[in-house]
Protein backbone atom coordinates (compact mmCIF):
# COMPACT_ATOMS: atom_id res chain seq x y z
CA SER A 1 124.98 108.95 96.53
CA ASP A 2 121.31 108.77 95.52
CA LYS A 3 120.56 111.80 97.73
CA GLN A 4 122.91 114.02 95.73
CA GLU A 5 121.21 116.36 93.32
CA ARG A 6 123.09 117.53 90.22
CA ARG A 7 122.25 120.76 88.40
CA VAL A 8 123.77 121.93 85.14
CA VAL A 9 123.52 125.58 84.17
CA GLU A 10 124.37 126.89 80.69
CA ILE A 11 126.35 130.11 80.83
CA CYS A 12 127.76 132.48 78.19
CA ASN A 13 130.03 131.38 75.35
CA GLY A 14 128.77 127.82 75.50
CA MET A 15 130.54 127.11 78.81
CA GLU A 16 128.78 124.71 81.11
CA GLN A 17 128.90 124.90 84.88
CA SER A 18 127.88 121.97 87.06
CA TRP A 19 126.77 122.08 90.71
CA THR A 20 126.18 119.14 92.99
CA ARG A 21 124.26 119.42 96.25
CA LEU A 22 126.31 117.47 98.76
CA GLU A 23 124.07 117.80 101.77
CA GLU A 24 120.97 119.58 102.97
CA ALA A 25 121.56 122.44 105.37
CA ALA A 26 118.79 123.36 107.76
CA ALA A 27 118.30 127.07 108.51
CA GLU A 28 119.88 126.64 111.94
CA ASN A 29 123.10 125.46 110.21
CA VAL A 30 123.56 128.58 108.06
CA ALA A 31 125.44 131.69 109.16
CA SER A 32 126.64 134.81 107.36
CA LEU A 33 129.07 137.39 108.69
CA GLN A 34 130.20 140.64 107.08
CA LEU A 35 133.53 142.29 107.78
CA HIS A 36 133.08 145.32 110.03
CA GLU A 37 136.05 147.62 109.39
CA LYS A 38 136.46 151.37 109.51
CA GLU A 39 138.80 151.36 106.48
CA GLY A 40 136.00 150.18 104.18
CA ARG A 41 137.48 146.81 103.31
CA ILE A 42 134.78 144.34 102.24
CA GLY A 43 134.65 140.76 103.44
CA TYR A 44 132.19 137.92 103.98
CA TRP A 45 132.20 134.66 105.88
CA ILE A 46 129.47 132.17 104.94
CA VAL A 47 128.91 128.84 106.69
CA ILE A 48 126.41 126.32 105.31
CA GLY A 49 126.26 123.01 107.13
CA THR A 50 129.82 121.69 107.26
CA TRP A 51 131.16 123.98 104.49
CA PHE A 52 132.51 127.52 104.78
CA GLY A 53 133.75 130.28 102.50
CA ARG A 54 135.64 133.36 103.69
CA VAL A 55 136.58 136.25 101.40
CA LEU A 56 138.41 139.49 102.24
CA GLY A 57 138.68 142.26 99.67
CA ARG A 58 141.53 144.69 99.24
CA LYS A 59 142.05 147.57 101.65
CA THR A 60 140.77 150.87 100.28
CA SER A 61 144.36 152.18 100.29
CA ASP A 62 145.33 149.45 97.77
CA PRO A 63 145.82 151.04 94.32
CA LEU A 64 143.83 148.20 92.74
CA ALA A 65 140.85 148.47 95.12
CA ASP A 66 138.76 150.62 92.79
CA ILE A 67 139.74 148.94 89.52
CA THR A 68 137.08 146.87 87.79
CA CYS A 69 138.24 144.55 85.06
CA ARG A 70 137.01 141.33 83.45
CA SER A 71 139.75 139.27 85.13
CA LEU A 72 142.95 139.64 87.12
CA PRO A 73 145.12 138.31 84.25
CA HIS A 74 143.52 140.88 81.92
CA LEU A 75 144.17 143.66 84.44
CA ILE A 76 147.83 142.69 84.77
CA LYS A 77 148.38 142.37 81.01
CA THR A 78 146.53 145.58 80.11
CA TYR A 79 147.13 148.02 82.96
CA ALA A 80 150.19 146.97 85.00
CA GLU A 81 152.56 149.40 83.32
CA ASP A 82 150.07 152.32 83.32
CA LEU A 83 149.18 151.80 86.99
CA GLY A 84 152.75 151.11 88.09
CA PHE A 85 152.44 147.67 89.69
CA ASP A 86 153.88 144.25 88.98
CA ALA A 87 152.09 140.94 88.65
CA ALA A 88 153.34 139.68 92.04
CA SER A 89 151.80 142.63 93.90
CA ALA A 90 148.50 142.30 92.01
CA VAL A 91 147.76 138.95 93.59
CA LYS A 92 148.32 140.20 97.14
CA GLY A 93 146.03 142.19 99.39
CA PHE A 94 142.97 139.97 99.36
CA GLU A 95 142.06 136.52 100.65
CA ALA A 96 139.68 133.75 99.67
CA SER A 97 139.37 130.46 101.54
CA PHE A 98 136.98 127.56 101.18
CA GLY A 99 136.85 124.59 103.51
CA ARG A 100 135.13 122.26 105.95
CA VAL A 101 133.90 122.56 109.51
CA GLU A 102 135.54 119.50 111.08
CA SER A 103 133.91 119.95 114.48
CA PRO A 104 132.48 122.89 116.44
CA GLY A 105 135.09 125.66 116.33
CA VAL A 106 137.48 123.76 114.02
CA PHE A 107 137.60 125.04 110.41
CA ARG A 108 140.11 123.54 107.94
CA ILE A 109 141.00 125.33 104.69
CA LEU A 110 140.74 123.03 101.66
CA TYR A 111 141.29 125.63 98.91
CA ASP A 112 142.89 129.05 99.19
CA LEU A 113 144.29 131.74 96.91
CA GLN A 114 147.51 131.18 98.84
CA PRO A 115 148.17 127.45 98.33
CA SER A 116 150.48 127.41 101.39
CA ARG A 117 147.36 127.89 103.59
CA GLU A 118 145.60 124.80 102.22
CA GLY A 119 145.24 122.16 104.91
CA SER A 120 145.72 124.65 107.75
CA LEU A 121 143.13 125.58 110.38
CA ILE A 122 141.51 129.00 110.27
CA LEU A 123 139.69 128.29 113.57
CA ASP A 124 140.97 125.75 116.09
CA THR A 125 139.22 126.33 119.48
CA SER A 126 142.46 127.35 121.22
CA GLN A 127 144.52 130.10 119.55
CA GLN A 128 142.23 130.92 116.60
CA GLN A 129 138.67 131.58 117.73
CA LEU A 130 135.73 133.86 117.17
CA ARG A 131 134.68 135.78 120.28
CA ARG A 132 131.61 137.91 120.91
CA CYS A 133 132.21 141.59 121.53
CA SER A 134 131.11 142.62 125.03
CA ALA A 135 129.73 145.95 123.81
CA ASP A 136 127.75 144.51 120.86
CA PRO A 137 126.89 140.78 120.79
CA ALA A 138 126.26 140.97 117.01
CA LEU A 139 130.00 141.68 116.54
CA LEU A 140 132.49 138.82 116.54
CA THR A 141 136.27 139.22 116.73
CA GLU A 142 138.69 136.78 115.16
CA THR A 143 141.38 136.28 117.82
CA SER A 144 144.21 135.45 115.39
CA SER A 145 143.76 138.45 113.06
CA GLN A 146 141.70 140.83 115.24
CA LEU A 147 139.26 141.22 112.32
CA CYS A 148 135.79 142.19 113.44
CA TRP A 149 132.72 140.60 111.82
CA ARG A 150 129.02 141.61 112.06
CA ALA A 151 126.60 138.68 112.21
CA HIS A 152 123.81 139.01 109.66
CA GLU A 153 122.52 135.46 110.03
CA LEU A 154 123.58 133.62 113.16
CA PRO A 155 120.79 131.44 114.52
CA HIS A 156 120.53 130.84 118.25
CA GLY A 157 122.27 127.55 118.96
CA PHE A 158 124.45 127.72 115.82
CA ALA A 159 127.15 125.18 116.66
CA ALA A 160 129.76 125.44 113.86
CA PHE A 161 131.72 128.29 115.49
CA GLY A 162 131.86 126.38 118.76
CA LYS A 163 131.16 127.86 122.16
CA MET A 164 132.03 131.55 121.81
CA LYS A 165 133.52 133.47 124.70
CA ARG A 166 133.20 137.20 125.20
CA ALA A 167 136.04 139.39 123.97
CA ALA A 168 137.24 142.47 125.78
CA VAL A 169 135.96 145.77 124.36
């Protein structure tokens, strides 16, 4: 479309990365949530217009939680034997989903680290919802996983999450 804007950014080693702006998102259509967990797990949920991304890091008890490496394949190849884990366990313990907001409260996963989740709904307005915490309205609870999220940006009238009910404390 003639409204699409394409940007090309040169990055290291001569690799080129291309971005295309698909749609404008007004400030009232942008939300960001951060995982609010006592165990120190890190996670973010970002919604921009009709697109969303949701990432959950490893639990702090995961032996790989504090390992920094240039890539997961490099970690597995270089350190698996020393750290005592196998390749199958290295790819578990974290989540990353990217998808579309189909309608208020209905989020469909298009891409996921677990391909079996692709095409499924992460929010569906009936069994899988976000609910406001009665004790702190800035906290939202995911009904399907019981994960708690703190709203950093959540404009009044933000419609993508649908009409949110209050959750019990």
